[in-house]
Amino acid sequence: MYSLLEDLDMALTSQSTSMPPHVPYKLWADMYYSNRNSALAQRSVDRAVRRVESLRDHRDSIFPPSILSQMSELTAASRRKTSLADPIFATMPDLMDLRTEHGVTPFIMIKAALSIFLAAKTRTRTAVFGQVENGRTWPSLEPWAQEMLPDCMDVAGPTLERTVQIVAVSEITALDFMSDLTKRGELEGRDVHAPWDMVRDRLGSTEDRALFDTASMSVTLNYIPIRTTKGVAVFKEMVYHGTRTNCESAWLYFCGVEGQGKETRFWTRTFAVDDIVSCEEATTWSHEVMSIASWLSDRSNWLKSLAECPSFEKVKAAQP
């Protein structure tokens, strides 16, 4: 979608502008479906199943708790009433230093913050949530084969995938926690295109599959790496008027980064399904996550234990 908007803005800027060619989406889609039963894809499915098969042991970590009883009663996503909360911003002067000095990206930092928040809200030592992945790799191909194809970042179409995350939260340092999430992300990245239906079908029982569905649609983290101002995509000729959406997740944490250097700031615009989460609740939670994110991004806290982080008292109170 963003590539389409960029091209449209370019065409509006000048009629003589030459549109750069994109990698055809059909090439990516054909490869996704033709490779889904390959040995490489099946190994990805095996690893993905192993990562989520313990979900039944973390039922109490699903947030908000009401979703466990309400999800099956909801109408289709296209007919749900969804609220969009006002954007929230926080300046984080050390955020880019965290990346250049330690390889921790803004996405990993906010993933860490959300994990701490969820573990605290559920009073467990585990966070369970869905995560949107950009999927900008060729599906189920070895690295050497990837290099022989065009840059997948320029595919003209959607390559988004979703994974279920089960994150243990313990009293290690903030930097160690974020570094562990970075390493974990690198390992999971190779399996991002494991066919969702195959992963789901391989789970043991109908109850396990239902729990997998609920976990994926409870809280969803969606970080978007595009150029924004005040949380809105920036174009030369097009003007942003508003957003209307029907959200599949009970609470969608939609976020990104804008600005440079010490003026870098993090933003979030959250969506909530009204039957489960009120707009006021979603806004309050977003402020809490942003407070934790600000603490994590602050250089003076990188080597501190997570036990010193705001909200962590509830995690410590949970049974080990």
C-alpha atoms as a PDB file:
ATOM      1  CA  MET A   1       0.000   0.000   0.000  1.00  0.00           C
ATOM      2  CA  TYR A   2       2.761   2.467   0.911  1.00  0.00           C
ATOM      3  CA  SER A   3       4.531   1.884  -2.423  1.00  0.00           C
ATOM      4  CA  LEU A   4       1.269   2.612  -4.231  1.00  0.00           C
ATOM      5  CA  LEU A   5       0.811   5.863  -2.288  1.00  0.00           C
ATOM      6  CA  GLU A   6       4.409   6.898  -2.994  1.00  0.00           C
ATOM      7  CA  ASP A   7       3.910   6.326  -6.717  1.00  0.00           C
ATOM      8  CA  LEU A   8       0.617   8.218  -6.695  1.00  0.00           C
ATOM      9  CA  ASP A   9       2.225  11.140  -4.894  1.00  0.00           C
ATOM     10  CA  MET A  10       5.100  11.129  -7.388  1.00  0.00           C
ATOM     11  CA  ALA A  11       2.663  11.214 -10.313  1.00  0.00           C
ATOM     12  CA  LEU A  12       0.765  14.121  -8.759  1.00  0.00           C
ATOM     13  CA  THR A  13       4.007  16.026  -8.177  1.00  0.00           C
ATOM     14  CA  SER A  14       4.927  16.072 -11.860  1.00  0.00           C
ATOM     15  CA  GLN A  15       3.222  14.669 -14.945  1.00  0.00           C
ATOM     16  CA  SER A  16       6.607  14.095 -16.532  1.00  0.00           C
ATOM     17  CA  THR A  17       7.845  11.965 -13.643  1.00  0.00           C
ATOM     18  CA  SER A  18       8.926   8.513 -14.720  1.00  0.00           C
ATOM     19  CA  MET A  19       7.541   5.765 -12.475  1.00  0.00           C
ATOM     20  CA  PRO A  20      10.250   3.352 -11.341  1.00  0.00           C
ATOM     21  CA  PRO A  21       9.360  -0.287 -12.052  1.00  0.00           C
ATOM     22  CA  HIS A  22       8.620  -2.515  -9.063  1.00  0.00           C
ATOM     23  CA  VAL A  23       9.122  -6.221  -8.587  1.00  0.00           C
ATOM     24  CA  PRO A  24       5.820  -7.817  -9.748  1.00  0.00           C
ATOM     25  CA  TYR A  25       3.729  -9.070  -6.863  1.00  0.00           C
ATOM     26  CA  LYS A  26       2.665 -12.120  -8.849  1.00  0.00           C
ATOM     27  CA  LEU A  27       6.259 -13.373  -8.774  1.00  0.00           C
ATOM     28  CA  TRP A  28       6.306 -13.221  -4.969  1.00  0.00           C
ATOM     29  CA  ALA A  29       2.793 -14.688  -4.572  1.00  0.00           C
ATOM     30  CA  ASP A  30       3.484 -17.575  -6.983  1.00  0.00           C
ATOM     31  CA  MET A  31       6.656 -18.410  -5.089  1.00  0.00           C
ATOM     32  CA  TYR A  32       4.819 -18.307  -1.760  1.00  0.00           C
ATOM     33  CA  TYR A  33       2.234 -20.854  -2.895  1.00  0.00           C
ATOM     34  CA  SER A  34       4.522 -23.070  -4.940  1.00  0.00           C
ATOM     35  CA  ASN A  35       7.059 -23.380  -2.098  1.00  0.00           C
ATOM     36  CA  ARG A  36       4.641 -23.841   0.808  1.00  0.00           C
ATOM     37  CA  ASN A  37       4.953 -27.643   0.715  1.00  0.00           C
ATOM     38  CA  SER A  38       8.707 -27.696   0.193  1.00  0.00           C
ATOM     39  CA  ALA A  39      11.080 -29.298   2.705  1.00  0.00           C
ATOM     40  CA  LEU A  40      12.362 -25.838   3.675  1.00  0.00           C
ATOM     41  CA  ALA A  41       8.839 -24.573   4.356  1.00  0.00           C
ATOM     42  CA  GLN A  42       7.993 -27.669   6.395  1.00  0.00           C
ATOM     43  CA  ARG A  43      11.086 -27.156   8.564  1.00  0.00           C
ATOM     44  CA  SER A  44       9.895 -23.599   9.167  1.00  0.00           C
ATOM     45  CA  VAL A  45       6.480 -24.940  10.161  1.00  0.00           C
ATOM     46  CA  ASP A  46       8.132 -27.414  12.568  1.00  0.00           C
ATOM     47  CA  ARG A  47      10.089 -24.637  14.278  1.00  0.00           C
ATOM     48  CA  ALA A  48       7.070 -22.308  14.400  1.00  0.00           C
ATOM     49  CA  VAL A  49       4.953 -25.031  16.028  1.00  0.00           C
ATOM     50  CA  ARG A  50       7.621 -25.710  18.658  1.00  0.00           C
ATOM     51  CA  ARG A  51       7.639 -22.002  19.542  1.00  0.00           C
ATOM     52  CA  VAL A  52       3.893 -21.825  20.187  1.00  0.00           C
ATOM     53  CA  GLU A  53       2.948 -25.299  21.420  1.00  0.00           C
ATOM     54  CA  SER A  54       3.501 -24.157  25.026  1.00  0.00           C
ATOM     55  CA  LEU A  55       0.722 -21.584  24.619  1.00  0.00           C
ATOM     56  CA  ARG A  56      -1.672 -23.741  26.651  1.00  0.00           C
ATOM     57  CA  ASP A  57       0.652 -23.211  29.641  1.00  0.00           C
ATOM     58  CA  HIS A  58       0.372 -19.424  29.282  1.00  0.00           C
ATOM     59  CA  ARG A  59      -3.379 -19.003  29.055  1.00  0.00           C
ATOM     60  CA  ASP A  60      -3.282 -16.583  32.013  1.00  0.00           C
ATOM     61  CA  SER A  61      -0.851 -14.354  30.078  1.00  0.00           C
ATOM     62  CA  ILE A  62      -3.357 -13.513  27.339  1.00  0.00           C
ATOM     63  CA  PHE A  63      -4.521  -9.901  27.618  1.00  0.00           C
ATOM     64  CA  PRO A  64      -7.114  -8.557  28.007  1.00  0.00           C
ATOM     65  CA  PRO A  65      -8.497 -11.572  29.931  1.00  0.00           C
ATOM     66  CA  SER A  66     -12.040 -10.921  28.693  1.00  0.00           C
ATOM     67  CA  ILE A  67     -11.015 -11.807  25.162  1.00  0.00           C
ATOM     68  CA  LEU A  68     -10.899 -15.507  26.064  1.00  0.00           C
ATOM     69  CA  SER A  69     -14.661 -15.563  26.457  1.00  0.00           C
ATOM     70  CA  GLN A  70     -15.626 -12.830  23.996  1.00  0.00           C
ATOM     71  CA  MET A  71     -13.605 -13.573  20.864  1.00  0.00           C
ATOM     72  CA  SER A  72     -15.867 -16.336  19.591  1.00  0.00           C
ATOM     73  CA  GLU A  73     -18.912 -14.082  19.983  1.00  0.00           C
ATOM     74  CA  LEU A  74     -17.584 -11.180  17.897  1.00  0.00           C
ATOM     75  CA  THR A  75     -18.927 -10.335  14.479  1.00  0.00           C
ATOM     76  CA  ALA A  76     -16.689 -10.523  11.419  1.00  0.00           C
ATOM     77  CA  ALA A  77     -13.857  -7.960  11.377  1.00  0.00           C
ATOM     78  CA  SER A  78     -15.507  -6.087   8.508  1.00  0.00           C
ATOM     79  CA  ARG A  79     -18.523  -5.328  10.724  1.00  0.00           C
ATOM     80  CA  ARG A  80     -16.830  -4.594  14.041  1.00  0.00           C
ATOM     81  CA  LYS A  81     -16.927  -1.133  15.514  1.00  0.00           C
ATOM     82  CA  THR A  82     -13.335   0.013  15.925  1.00  0.00           C
ATOM     83  CA  SER A  83     -12.012   3.080  17.725  1.00  0.00           C
ATOM     84  CA  LEU A  84      -8.820   4.919  16.804  1.00  0.00           C
ATOM     85  CA  ALA A  85      -7.168   6.562  19.813  1.00  0.00           C
ATOM     86  CA  ASP A  86      -5.404   9.916  19.567  1.00  0.00           C
ATOM     87  CA  PRO A  87      -1.666   9.656  18.783  1.00  0.00           C
ATOM     88  CA  ILE A  88       0.846   9.635  21.640  1.00  0.00           C
ATOM     89  CA  PHE A  89       4.397  10.934  21.296  1.00  0.00           C
ATOM     90  CA  ALA A  90       7.561  10.701  23.387  1.00  0.00           C
ATOM     91  CA  THR A  91      10.971  12.183  22.567  1.00  0.00           C
ATOM     92  CA  MET A  92      13.752   9.607  23.034  1.00  0.00           C
ATOM     93  CA  PRO A  93      17.190  11.267  22.617  1.00  0.00           C
ATOM     94  CA  ASP A  94      19.165   8.021  23.058  1.00  0.00           C
ATOM     95  CA  LEU A  95      17.039   5.775  20.846  1.00  0.00           C
ATOM     96  CA  MET A  96      19.281   5.889  17.774  1.00  0.00           C
ATOM     97  CA  ASP A  97      22.389   5.402  19.958  1.00  0.00           C
ATOM     98  CA  LEU A  98      20.822   2.184  21.216  1.00  0.00           C
ATOM     99  CA  ARG A  99      20.792   0.982  17.621  1.00  0.00           C
ATOM    100  CA  THR A 100      24.247   2.149  16.539  1.00  0.00           C
ATOM    101  CA  GLU A 101      26.036   1.050  19.721  1.00  0.00           C
ATOM    102  CA  HIS A 102      24.201  -2.185  20.533  1.00  0.00           C
ATOM    103  CA  GLY A 103      22.219  -3.200  17.444  1.00  0.00           C
ATOM    104  CA  VAL A 104      18.870  -2.770  19.201  1.00  0.00           C
ATOM    105  CA  THR A 105      16.336  -1.321  16.763  1.00  0.00           C
ATOM    106  CA  PRO A 106      13.356   0.879  17.750  1.00  0.00           C
ATOM    107  CA  PHE A 107      11.106  -2.082  16.927  1.00  0.00           C
ATOM    108  CA  ILE A 108      12.910  -4.317  19.425  1.00  0.00           C
ATOM    109  CA  MET A 109      12.797  -1.568  22.060  1.00  0.00           C
ATOM    110  CA  ILE A 110       9.013  -1.167  21.774  1.00  0.00           C
ATOM    111  CA  LYS A 111       8.583  -4.949  21.688  1.00  0.00           C
ATOM    112  CA  ALA A 112      10.455  -5.111  24.993  1.00  0.00           C
ATOM    113  CA  ALA A 113       8.283  -2.346  26.459  1.00  0.00           C
ATOM    114  CA  LEU A 114       5.061  -4.055  25.368  1.00  0.00           C
ATOM    115  CA  SER A 115       6.286  -7.377  26.799  1.00  0.00           C
ATOM    116  CA  ILE A 116       6.970  -5.819  30.211  1.00  0.00           C
ATOM    117  CA  PHE A 117       3.590  -4.062  30.161  1.00  0.00           C
ATOM    118  CA  LEU A 118       1.671  -7.254  29.326  1.00  0.00           C
ATOM    119  CA  ALA A 119       3.528  -9.356  31.899  1.00  0.00           C
ATOM    120  CA  ALA A 120       2.694  -6.706  34.503  1.00  0.00           C
ATOM    121  CA  LYS A 121      -0.983  -6.409  33.524  1.00  0.00           C
ATOM    122  CA  THR A 122      -1.511 -10.168  33.687  1.00  0.00           C
ATOM    123  CA  ARG A 123       0.689 -10.492  36.797  1.00  0.00           C
ATOM    124  CA  THR A 124       2.642 -13.282  35.141  1.00  0.00           C
ATOM    125  CA  ARG A 125       6.219 -13.515  33.972  1.00  0.00           C
ATOM    126  CA  THR A 126       5.220 -13.986  30.345  1.00  0.00           C
ATOM    127  CA  ALA A 127       3.842 -11.771  27.587  1.00  0.00           C
ATOM    128  CA  VAL A 128       1.658 -13.236  24.833  1.00  0.00           C
ATOM    129  CA  PHE A 129       0.751 -11.168  21.763  1.00  0.00           C
ATOM    130  CA  GLY A 130       0.567 -11.123  17.989  1.00  0.00           C
ATOM    131  CA  GLN A 131       3.265  -9.457  15.933  1.00  0.00           C
ATOM    132  CA  VAL A 132       3.037  -8.176  12.368  1.00  0.00           C
ATOM    133  CA  GLU A 133       6.111  -8.972  10.258  1.00  0.00           C
ATOM    134  CA  ASN A 134       6.940  -7.147   7.043  1.00  0.00           C
ATOM    135  CA  GLY A 135       7.828 -10.408   5.271  1.00  0.00           C
ATOM    136  CA  ARG A 136      10.143  -8.718   2.762  1.00  0.00           C
ATOM    137  CA  THR A 137      12.021 -11.877   1.844  1.00  0.00           C
ATOM    138  CA  TRP A 138      11.418 -14.467  -0.853  1.00  0.00           C
ATOM    139  CA  PRO A 139       9.309 -17.256   0.674  1.00  0.00           C
ATOM    140  CA  SER A 140      11.009 -20.520   1.610  1.00  0.00           C
ATOM    141  CA  LEU A 141      14.278 -20.023  -0.255  1.00  0.00           C
ATOM    142  CA  GLU A 142      17.839 -20.592   0.908  1.00  0.00           C
ATOM    143  CA  PRO A 143      19.928 -17.404   1.434  1.00  0.00           C
ATOM    144  CA  TRP A 144      22.057 -18.070  -1.654  1.00  0.00           C
ATOM    145  CA  ALA A 145      18.903 -18.302  -3.781  1.00  0.00           C
ATOM    146  CA  GLN A 146      17.525 -15.088  -2.266  1.00  0.00           C
ATOM    147  CA  GLU A 147      20.611 -13.239  -3.541  1.00  0.00           C
ATOM    148  CA  MET A 148      19.923 -14.323  -7.127  1.00  0.00           C
ATOM    149  CA  LEU A 149      16.489 -12.624  -7.181  1.00  0.00           C
ATOM    150  CA  PRO A 150      15.487  -8.933  -7.225  1.00  0.00           C
ATOM    151  CA  ASP A 151      15.354  -6.996  -3.960  1.00  0.00           C
ATOM    152  CA  CYS A 152      12.232  -8.198  -2.172  1.00  0.00           C
ATOM    153  CA  MET A 153      11.870  -4.830  -0.417  1.00  0.00           C
ATOM    154  CA  ASP A 154      10.467  -3.481  -3.692  1.00  0.00           C
ATOM    155  CA  VAL A 155       7.704  -6.030  -4.250  1.00  0.00           C
ATOM    156  CA  ALA A 156       4.566  -4.217  -5.393  1.00  0.00           C
ATOM    157  CA  GLY A 157       2.091  -5.788  -3.003  1.00  0.00           C
ATOM    158  CA  PRO A 158       1.415  -7.026   0.538  1.00  0.00           C
ATOM    159  CA  THR A 159       3.909  -9.420   2.086  1.00  0.00           C
ATOM    160  CA  LEU A 160       2.784  -9.013   5.702  1.00  0.00           C
ATOM    161  CA  GLU A 161       2.796 -12.024   7.988  1.00  0.00           C
ATOM    162  CA  ARG A 162       1.748 -12.454  11.605  1.00  0.00           C
ATOM    163  CA  THR A 163       3.357 -14.507  14.356  1.00  0.00           C
ATOM    164  CA  VAL A 164       2.357 -15.326  17.919  1.00  0.00           C
ATOM    165  CA  GLN A 165       4.965 -14.218  20.438  1.00  0.00           C
ATOM    166  CA  ILE A 166       5.528 -15.817  23.866  1.00  0.00           C
ATOM    167  CA  VAL A 167       8.116 -13.697  25.692  1.00  0.00           C
ATOM    168  CA  ALA A 168       9.518 -14.535  29.139  1.00  0.00           C
ATOM    169  CA  VAL A 169      10.216 -11.456  31.286  1.00  0.00           C
ATOM    170  CA  SER A 170      12.830 -11.766  34.036  1.00  0.00           C
ATOM    171  CA  GLU A 171      15.057  -9.563  36.173  1.00  0.00           C
ATOM    172  CA  ILE A 172      17.975  -9.184  33.774  1.00  0.00           C
ATOM    173  CA  THR A 173      19.344  -5.849  32.600  1.00  0.00           C
ATOM    174  CA  ALA A 174      17.353  -3.766  30.147  1.00  0.00           C
ATOM    175  CA  LEU A 175      20.102  -4.096  27.527  1.00  0.00           C
ATOM    176  CA  ASP A 176      20.356  -7.873  27.959  1.00  0.00           C
ATOM    177  CA  PHE A 177      16.576  -8.202  27.586  1.00  0.00           C
ATOM    178  CA  MET A 178      16.524  -6.162  24.371  1.00  0.00           C
ATOM    179  CA  SER A 179      19.616  -7.953  23.029  1.00  0.00           C
ATOM    180  CA  ASP A 180      17.970 -11.330  23.685  1.00  0.00           C
ATOM    181  CA  LEU A 181      14.887 -10.192  21.763  1.00  0.00           C
ATOM    182  CA  THR A 182      17.161  -9.104  18.897  1.00  0.00           C
ATOM    183  CA  LYS A 183      18.803 -12.536  18.695  1.00  0.00           C
ATOM    184  CA  ARG A 184      15.432 -14.221  18.938  1.00  0.00           C
ATOM    185  CA  GLY A 185      14.105 -12.088  16.089  1.00  0.00           C
ATOM    186  CA  GLU A 186      17.025 -13.078  13.874  1.00  0.00           C
ATOM    187  CA  LEU A 187      16.292 -16.762  14.451  1.00  0.00           C
ATOM    188  CA  GLU A 188      12.552 -16.383  13.914  1.00  0.00           C
ATOM    189  CA  GLY A 189      13.022 -14.304  10.770  1.00  0.00           C
ATOM    190  CA  ARG A 190      13.879 -17.341   8.675  1.00  0.00           C
ATOM    191  CA  ASP A 191      10.454 -18.806   9.481  1.00  0.00           C
ATOM    192  CA  VAL A 192       8.345 -15.712   8.886  1.00  0.00           C
ATOM    193  CA  HIS A 193       6.665 -17.290   5.848  1.00  0.00           C
ATOM    194  CA  ALA A 194       5.776 -20.580   7.540  1.00  0.00           C
ATOM    195  CA  PRO A 195       2.186 -21.039   6.278  1.00  0.00           C
ATOM    196  CA  TRP A 196      -0.154 -19.892   9.046  1.00  0.00           C
ATOM    197  CA  ASP A 197      -2.783 -22.545   8.321  1.00  0.00           C
ATOM    198  CA  MET A 198      -0.190 -25.326   8.492  1.00  0.00           C
ATOM    199  CA  VAL A 199       1.175 -24.091  11.822  1.00  0.00           C
ATOM    200  CA  ARG A 200      -2.373 -23.894  13.180  1.00  0.00           C
ATOM    201  CA  ASP A 201      -3.371 -27.342  11.886  1.00  0.00           C
ATOM    202  CA  ARG A 202      -0.315 -28.939  13.492  1.00  0.00           C
ATOM    203  CA  LEU A 203      -1.354 -27.852  16.987  1.00  0.00           C
ATOM    204  CA  GLY A 204      -2.621 -30.731  19.115  1.00  0.00           C
ATOM    205  CA  SER A 205      -6.304 -30.107  19.654  1.00  0.00           C
ATOM    206  CA  THR A 206      -9.272 -27.933  18.755  1.00  0.00           C
ATOM    207  CA  GLU A 207      -8.773 -26.089  22.051  1.00  0.00           C
ATOM    208  CA  ASP A 208      -5.101 -25.426  21.233  1.00  0.00           C
ATOM    209  CA  ARG A 209      -6.035 -24.034  17.838  1.00  0.00           C
ATOM    210  CA  ALA A 210      -8.724 -21.799  19.340  1.00  0.00           C
ATOM    211  CA  LEU A 211      -6.232 -20.508  21.907  1.00  0.00           C
ATOM    212  CA  PHE A 212      -3.730 -19.839  19.110  1.00  0.00           C
ATOM    213  CA  ASP A 213      -6.375 -17.824  17.227  1.00  0.00           C
ATOM    214  CA  THR A 214      -7.259 -15.831  20.341  1.00  0.00           C
ATOM    215  CA  ALA A 215      -3.634 -15.107  21.233  1.00  0.00           C
ATOM    216  CA  SER A 216      -2.940 -13.836  17.731  1.00  0.00           C
ATOM    217  CA  MET A 217      -5.918 -11.464  17.877  1.00  0.00           C
ATOM    218  CA  SER A 218      -5.639 -10.221  21.465  1.00  0.00           C
ATOM    219  CA  VAL A 219      -2.878  -7.617  21.350  1.00  0.00           C
ATOM    220  CA  THR A 220      -0.994  -7.039  18.104  1.00  0.00           C
ATOM    221  CA  LEU A 221       2.236  -5.091  17.677  1.00  0.00           C
ATOM    222  CA  ASN A 222       2.618  -3.386  14.297  1.00  0.00           C
ATOM    223  CA  TYR A 223       5.737  -1.228  13.833  1.00  0.00           C
ATOM    224  CA  ILE A 224       5.901   0.639  10.513  1.00  0.00           C
ATOM    225  CA  PRO A 225       9.315   1.823   9.232  1.00  0.00           C
ATOM    226  CA  ILE A 226       8.096   4.683   7.009  1.00  0.00           C
ATOM    227  CA  ARG A 227       8.632   8.456   7.017  1.00  0.00           C
ATOM    228  CA  THR A 228       6.031  10.196   9.170  1.00  0.00           C
ATOM    229  CA  THR A 229       5.217  13.556  10.749  1.00  0.00           C
ATOM    230  CA  LYS A 230       2.978  13.552  13.814  1.00  0.00           C
ATOM    231  CA  GLY A 231       2.382   9.855  13.213  1.00  0.00           C
ATOM    232  CA  VAL A 232       1.109  10.360   9.660  1.00  0.00           C
ATOM    233  CA  ALA A 233       2.854   9.317   6.431  1.00  0.00           C
ATOM    234  CA  VAL A 234       4.508  12.274   4.652  1.00  0.00           C
ATOM    235  CA  PHE A 235       3.787  13.022   0.983  1.00  0.00           C
ATOM    236  CA  LYS A 236       4.438  16.069  -1.214  1.00  0.00           C
ATOM    237  CA  GLU A 237       1.063  16.440  -2.891  1.00  0.00           C
ATOM    238  CA  MET A 238      -1.367  14.234  -1.005  1.00  0.00           C
ATOM    239  CA  VAL A 239      -3.009  15.352   2.221  1.00  0.00           C
ATOM    240  CA  TYR A 240      -3.969  12.989   5.016  1.00  0.00           C
ATOM    241  CA  HIS A 241      -7.650  13.397   5.948  1.00  0.00           C
ATOM    242  CA  GLY A 242      -8.334  10.573   8.367  1.00  0.00           C
ATOM    243  CA  THR A 243      -8.416   6.841   8.977  1.00  0.00           C
ATOM    244  CA  ARG A 244     -11.298   4.437   8.945  1.00  0.00           C
ATOM    245  CA  THR A 245     -10.570   0.841   9.716  1.00  0.00           C
ATOM    246  CA  ASN A 246     -12.066  -2.407  10.950  1.00  0.00           C
ATOM    247  CA  CYS A 247      -9.613  -3.989  13.328  1.00  0.00           C
ATOM    248  CA  GLU A 248      -9.159  -7.728  13.697  1.00  0.00           C
ATOM    249  CA  SER A 249      -7.181  -7.432  16.944  1.00  0.00           C
ATOM    250  CA  ALA A 250      -8.759  -6.446  20.245  1.00  0.00           C
ATOM    251  CA  TRP A 251      -5.944  -3.922  20.707  1.00  0.00           C
ATOM    252  CA  LEU A 252      -3.629  -3.010  17.816  1.00  0.00           C
ATOM    253  CA  TYR A 253      -0.487  -1.145  18.900  1.00  0.00           C
ATOM    254  CA  PHE A 254       0.416   0.711  15.689  1.00  0.00           C
ATOM    255  CA  CYS A 255       3.662   2.663  16.034  1.00  0.00           C
ATOM    256  CA  GLY A 256       6.799   4.145  14.485  1.00  0.00           C
ATOM    257  CA  VAL A 257       9.642   6.625  14.801  1.00  0.00           C
ATOM    258  CA  GLU A 258      10.156  10.103  13.347  1.00  0.00           C
ATOM    259  CA  GLY A 259      12.795  12.820  13.593  1.00  0.00           C
ATOM    260  CA  GLN A 260      16.565  12.458  13.781  1.00  0.00           C
ATOM    261  CA  GLY A 261      19.361  12.341  16.353  1.00  0.00           C
ATOM    262  CA  LYS A 262      18.461  13.700  19.766  1.00  0.00           C
ATOM    263  CA  GLU A 263      15.115  14.902  18.394  1.00  0.00           C
ATOM    264  CA  THR A 264      13.968  11.369  17.570  1.00  0.00           C
ATOM    265  CA  ARG A 265      10.552  10.634  18.956  1.00  0.00           C
ATOM    266  CA  PHE A 266       8.410   7.552  19.138  1.00  0.00           C
ATOM    267  CA  TRP A 267       4.715   7.656  18.278  1.00  0.00           C
ATOM    268  CA  THR A 268       1.772   5.324  18.547  1.00  0.00           C
ATOM    269  CA  ARG A 269      -1.798   5.312  17.280  1.00  0.00           C
ATOM    270  CA  THR A 270      -3.765   2.455  18.712  1.00  0.00           C
ATOM    271  CA  PHE A 271      -6.909   0.763  17.452  1.00  0.00           C
ATOM    272  CA  ALA A 272      -9.378  -1.076  19.685  1.00  0.00           C
ATOM    273  CA  VAL A 273     -12.441  -3.250  19.096  1.00  0.00           C
ATOM    274  CA  ASP A 274     -15.136  -1.518  21.129  1.00  0.00           C
ATOM    275  CA  ASP A 275     -16.824  -4.740  22.262  1.00  0.00           C
ATOM    276  CA  ILE A 276     -13.641  -5.719  24.137  1.00  0.00           C
ATOM    277  CA  VAL A 277     -11.517  -2.605  24.732  1.00  0.00           C
ATOM    278  CA  SER A 278     -12.776   0.957  25.118  1.00  0.00           C
ATOM    279  CA  CYS A 279     -10.906   3.805  23.469  1.00  0.00           C
ATOM    280  CA  GLU A 280     -10.172   5.223  26.933  1.00  0.00           C
ATOM    281  CA  GLU A 281      -8.624   1.932  28.075  1.00  0.00           C
ATOM    282  CA  ALA A 282      -6.521   1.678  24.927  1.00  0.00           C
ATOM    283  CA  THR A 283      -5.251   5.235  25.422  1.00  0.00           C
ATOM    284  CA  THR A 284      -4.342   4.576  29.069  1.00  0.00           C
ATOM    285  CA  TRP A 285      -2.499   1.376  28.154  1.00  0.00           C
ATOM    286  CA  SER A 286      -0.647   3.127  25.343  1.00  0.00           C
ATOM    287  CA  HIS A 287       0.584   5.779  27.765  1.00  0.00           C
ATOM    288  CA  GLU A 288       1.826   3.050  30.106  1.00  0.00           C
ATOM    289  CA  VAL A 289       3.690   1.262  27.309  1.00  0.00           C
ATOM    290  CA  MET A 290       5.228   4.565  26.198  1.00  0.00           C
ATOM    291  CA  SER A 291       6.401   5.256  29.752  1.00  0.00           C
ATOM    292  CA  ILE A 292       8.195   1.893  29.840  1.00  0.00           C
ATOM    293  CA  ALA A 293       9.625   2.533  26.357  1.00  0.00           C
ATOM    294  CA  SER A 294      11.015   5.890  27.473  1.00  0.00           C
ATOM    295  CA  TRP A 295      12.698   4.174  30.421  1.00  0.00           C
ATOM    296  CA  LEU A 296      14.215   1.469  28.203  1.00  0.00           C
ATOM    297  CA  SER A 297      15.490   3.952  25.622  1.00  0.00           C
ATOM    298  CA  ASP A 298      17.240   6.125  28.240  1.00  0.00           C
ATOM    299  CA  ARG A 299      20.992   5.440  28.190  1.00  0.00           C
ATOM    300  CA  SER A 300      21.206   5.713  31.983  1.00  0.00           C
ATOM    301  CA  ASN A 301      18.917   2.665  32.321  1.00  0.00           C
ATOM    302  CA  TRP A 302      20.502   0.261  29.845  1.00  0.00           C
ATOM    303  CA  LEU A 303      22.599  -1.539  32.446  1.00  0.00           C
ATOM    304  CA  LYS A 304      19.954  -1.424  35.164  1.00  0.00           C
ATOM    305  CA  SER A 305      17.899  -4.460  36.100  1.00  0.00           C
ATOM    306  CA  LEU A 306      14.373  -4.602  34.748  1.00  0.00           C
ATOM    307  CA  ALA A 307      13.380  -4.767  38.411  1.00  0.00           C
ATOM    308  CA  GLU A 308      13.960  -0.994  38.477  1.00  0.00           C
ATOM    309  CA  CYS A 309      11.644  -0.366  35.547  1.00  0.00           C
ATOM    310  CA  PRO A 310       8.217   1.227  36.114  1.00  0.00           C
ATOM    311  CA  SER A 311       5.435  -1.394  36.179  1.00  0.00           C
ATOM    312  CA  PHE A 312       7.843  -4.220  36.994  1.00  0.00           C
ATOM    313  CA  GLU A 313       6.615  -4.561  40.585  1.00  0.00           C
ATOM    314  CA  LYS A 314       3.608  -6.523  39.317  1.00  0.00           C
ATOM    315  CA  VAL A 315       5.880  -8.856  37.373  1.00  0.00           C
ATOM    316  CA  LYS A 316       8.009  -9.482  40.463  1.00  0.00           C
ATOM    317  CA  ALA A 317       4.851 -10.284  42.427  1.00  0.00           C
ATOM    318  CA  ALA A 318       4.028 -13.122  40.020  1.00  0.00           C
ATOM    319  CA  GLN A 319       4.901 -16.683  40.905  1.00  0.00           C
ATOM    320  CA  PRO A 320       8.223 -17.726  39.287  1.00  0.00           C
END
